[in-house]
Amino acid sequence: MSELIPIDLAGVREIPAEIITSVKQSVEVTFESISGSRPEYSENGSVDGPMNGIIGHITVFNSHHTLTLMVAIPRETALSISEVFCGMEIPFDSDDMGDLVGEVSNILAGEVAASVEQVGFTGQSSLPTVTRGSDLKLFMPNKPPTARLRFEGGGGGFWVNLALCESRRRK
């Protein structure tokens, strides 16, 4: 286990900068491979009000820690990604859009897992889940360390929200 993250997160207030840097790079590489252009990280990670869109949820975990990723994609950006990724625009309300965002989340988690391994966080990815809706409010947990990363790409903006928690241990 790396010294990067203590096993007990009780005193940890922020996700280590090395992990955040690795996740940023993974997002850039993943979305560039999908769209052909690298999204730009924005220092302003805030979300202005509720979002009408779709969220891919996936984790990278090991026996000590879980790094949760929520990929929040507004409707217009999701439609743009579908056109580039699939060669045609997928209807936003279709099951195919859910499958697409699940696959994008899965690709991103694989890239994140490989990237954070380079800084000492070895883990595997969970299966993705997807949530779609209007007036979605993105809440971050208030206890574990979190980060909200905003990106702007050729097809629009999106967020990657992170939370670092201790993995549940069986007694």
Protein backbone atom coordinates (compact mmCIF):
# COMPACT_ATOMS: atom_id res chain seq x y z
CA MET A 1 0.00 0.00 0.00
CA SER A 2 1.28 3.42 -0.90
CA GLU A 3 1.98 6.16 1.62
CA LEU A 4 -0.06 8.47 -0.64
CA ILE A 5 -3.32 7.67 1.15
CA PRO A 6 -3.47 6.60 4.79
CA ILE A 7 -5.71 3.60 5.41
CA ASP A 8 -7.74 5.61 7.93
CA LEU A 9 -9.18 8.68 6.17
CA ALA A 10 -10.48 10.33 9.36
CA GLY A 11 -7.98 13.21 9.17
CA VAL A 12 -7.83 13.46 5.37
CA ARG A 13 -9.64 16.55 4.07
CA GLU A 14 -8.66 16.51 0.39
CA ILE A 15 -8.07 13.93 -2.29
CA PRO A 16 -4.28 13.84 -2.85
CA ALA A 17 -3.17 16.16 -5.66
CA GLU A 18 -1.42 13.27 -7.43
CA ILE A 19 -4.73 11.43 -7.77
CA ILE A 20 -6.58 14.53 -8.98
CA THR A 21 -3.85 15.18 -11.56
CA SER A 22 -4.06 11.55 -12.70
CA VAL A 23 -7.85 11.77 -13.04
CA LYS A 24 -7.63 15.05 -15.01
CA GLN A 25 -5.14 13.47 -17.42
CA SER A 26 -7.33 10.36 -17.74
CA VAL A 27 -10.38 12.48 -18.57
CA GLU A 28 -8.43 14.41 -21.19
CA VAL A 29 -7.03 11.25 -22.82
CA THR A 30 -10.36 9.40 -22.74
CA PHE A 31 -12.48 12.20 -24.16
CA GLU A 32 -9.82 13.07 -26.76
CA SER A 33 -9.87 9.46 -27.95
CA ILE A 34 -13.67 9.62 -28.19
CA SER A 35 -14.08 13.03 -29.81
CA GLY A 36 -10.74 13.71 -31.45
CA SER A 37 -10.16 16.89 -29.45
CA ARG A 38 -8.83 17.27 -25.94
CA PRO A 39 -11.26 18.85 -23.45
CA GLU A 40 -9.89 21.68 -21.36
CA TYR A 41 -9.98 21.60 -17.58
CA SER A 42 -11.70 24.63 -16.07
CA GLU A 43 -10.74 25.94 -12.63
CA ASN A 44 -14.43 26.72 -12.07
CA GLY A 45 -15.88 23.35 -11.06
CA SER A 46 -19.24 24.71 -9.98
CA VAL A 47 -22.56 23.68 -11.45
CA ASP A 48 -24.94 26.55 -12.12
CA GLY A 49 -28.27 25.19 -10.91
CA PRO A 50 -29.90 21.87 -11.75
CA MET A 51 -28.73 19.93 -14.77
CA ASN A 52 -30.81 18.32 -17.48
CA GLY A 53 -28.61 15.41 -18.45
CA ILE A 54 -27.17 12.03 -17.67
CA ILE A 55 -24.68 10.81 -15.08
CA GLY A 56 -22.40 7.79 -15.28
CA HIS A 57 -21.36 6.38 -11.88
CA ILE A 58 -18.38 4.09 -11.48
CA THR A 59 -15.73 3.33 -8.86
CA VAL A 60 -12.11 2.29 -8.73
CA PHE A 61 -11.57 0.37 -5.52
CA ASN A 62 -9.27 -1.84 -3.51
CA SER A 63 -9.54 -3.42 -0.07
CA HIS A 64 -8.73 -0.11 1.66
CA HIS A 65 -10.22 2.69 -0.46
CA THR A 66 -12.89 3.49 -3.01
CA LEU A 67 -12.54 6.33 -5.52
CA THR A 68 -16.00 7.15 -6.85
CA LEU A 69 -16.39 8.95 -10.18
CA MET A 70 -19.61 10.63 -11.31
CA VAL A 71 -19.41 11.76 -14.94
CA ALA A 72 -22.15 14.41 -15.24
CA ILE A 73 -23.01 15.20 -18.86
CA PRO A 74 -25.63 17.79 -19.84
CA ARG A 75 -28.12 16.72 -22.51
CA GLU A 76 -26.55 18.73 -25.35
CA THR A 77 -23.07 17.38 -24.59
CA ALA A 78 -24.40 13.80 -24.43
CA LEU A 79 -26.03 14.21 -27.85
CA SER A 80 -22.77 15.58 -29.26
CA ILE A 81 -20.75 12.70 -27.76
CA SER A 82 -23.19 10.17 -29.21
CA GLU A 83 -22.82 11.63 -32.68
CA VAL A 84 -19.02 11.46 -32.54
CA PHE A 85 -18.78 8.12 -30.72
CA CYS A 86 -21.45 6.28 -32.74
CA GLY A 87 -21.47 8.23 -35.99
CA MET A 88 -25.06 9.33 -35.43
CA GLU A 89 -27.04 11.17 -32.80
CA ILE A 90 -28.66 8.76 -30.35
CA PRO A 91 -32.03 9.85 -28.91
CA PHE A 92 -31.36 11.21 -25.43
CA ASP A 93 -34.24 9.30 -23.81
CA SER A 94 -33.25 5.94 -25.32
CA ASP A 95 -31.69 2.95 -23.59
CA ASP A 96 -28.85 3.30 -26.09
CA MET A 97 -27.90 6.67 -24.56
CA GLY A 98 -27.69 4.98 -21.16
CA ASP A 99 -25.52 2.25 -22.67
CA LEU A 100 -23.28 4.86 -24.31
CA VAL A 101 -22.72 6.83 -21.09
CA GLY A 102 -22.13 3.57 -19.22
CA GLU A 103 -19.50 2.61 -21.78
CA VAL A 104 -17.85 6.05 -21.67
CA SER A 105 -17.77 5.79 -17.86
CA ASN A 106 -16.27 2.31 -18.11
CA ILE A 107 -13.57 3.47 -20.54
CA LEU A 108 -12.79 6.42 -18.26
CA ALA A 109 -12.60 4.19 -15.16
CA GLY A 110 -10.16 1.87 -16.92
CA GLU A 111 -7.96 4.82 -17.83
CA VAL A 112 -8.24 6.23 -14.28
CA ALA A 113 -7.35 2.84 -12.74
CA ALA A 114 -4.23 2.61 -14.92
CA SER A 115 -3.28 6.23 -14.25
CA VAL A 116 -3.72 6.23 -10.46
CA GLU A 117 -1.78 2.98 -10.26
CA GLN A 118 1.25 5.01 -11.37
CA VAL A 119 0.95 7.08 -8.16
CA GLY A 120 0.36 4.09 -5.88
CA PHE A 121 -3.43 3.56 -5.88
CA THR A 122 -3.95 0.06 -7.22
CA GLY A 123 -7.55 -0.93 -7.80
CA GLN A 124 -10.14 -2.40 -10.08
CA SER A 125 -13.25 -0.86 -11.62
CA SER A 126 -16.83 -1.57 -10.69
CA LEU A 127 -19.63 -1.94 -13.21
CA PRO A 128 -21.06 1.42 -14.30
CA THR A 129 -24.56 2.63 -13.50
CA VAL A 130 -26.30 5.51 -15.25
CA THR A 131 -28.88 8.06 -14.08
CA ARG A 132 -30.79 10.29 -16.49
CA GLY A 133 -33.20 13.09 -15.69
CA SER A 134 -34.05 16.75 -15.60
CA ASP A 135 -33.49 19.14 -12.72
CA LEU A 136 -30.70 16.90 -11.41
CA LYS A 137 -28.81 18.43 -8.51
CA LEU A 138 -25.32 17.11 -7.97
CA PHE A 139 -24.64 16.61 -4.28
CA MET A 140 -21.25 15.61 -3.03
CA PRO A 141 -20.89 13.68 0.22
CA ASN A 142 -19.98 15.93 3.14
CA LYS A 143 -17.64 13.59 5.00
CA PRO A 144 -15.12 12.01 2.63
CA PRO A 145 -12.67 14.08 0.62
CA THR A 146 -14.26 15.22 -2.65
CA ALA A 147 -13.38 17.17 -5.79
CA ARG A 148 -15.41 18.54 -8.68
CA LEU A 149 -13.61 18.84 -12.01
CA ARG A 150 -15.18 20.77 -14.87
CA PHE A 151 -14.17 20.32 -18.50
CA GLU A 152 -15.09 22.10 -21.72
CA GLY A 153 -14.77 20.23 -24.99
CA GLY A 154 -15.74 20.76 -28.60
CA GLY A 155 -19.11 19.13 -27.93
CA GLY A 156 -19.84 21.02 -24.70
CA GLY A 157 -19.06 20.97 -21.01
CA PHE A 158 -19.23 18.18 -18.45
CA TRP A 159 -18.11 17.44 -14.88
CA VAL A 160 -16.30 14.63 -13.16
CA ASN A 161 -17.06 14.53 -9.45
CA LEU A 162 -14.81 12.47 -7.20
CA ALA A 163 -15.17 11.11 -3.69
CA LEU A 164 -12.53 9.12 -1.81
CA CYS A 165 -13.79 6.81 0.93
CA GLU A 166 -12.62 3.92 2.99
CA SER A 167 -13.80 0.61 1.58
CA ARG A 168 -16.12 -1.25 3.89
CA ARG A 169 -14.32 -3.88 5.82
CA ARG A 170 -16.00 -7.10 6.83
CA LYS A 171 -15.76 -7.88 10.51
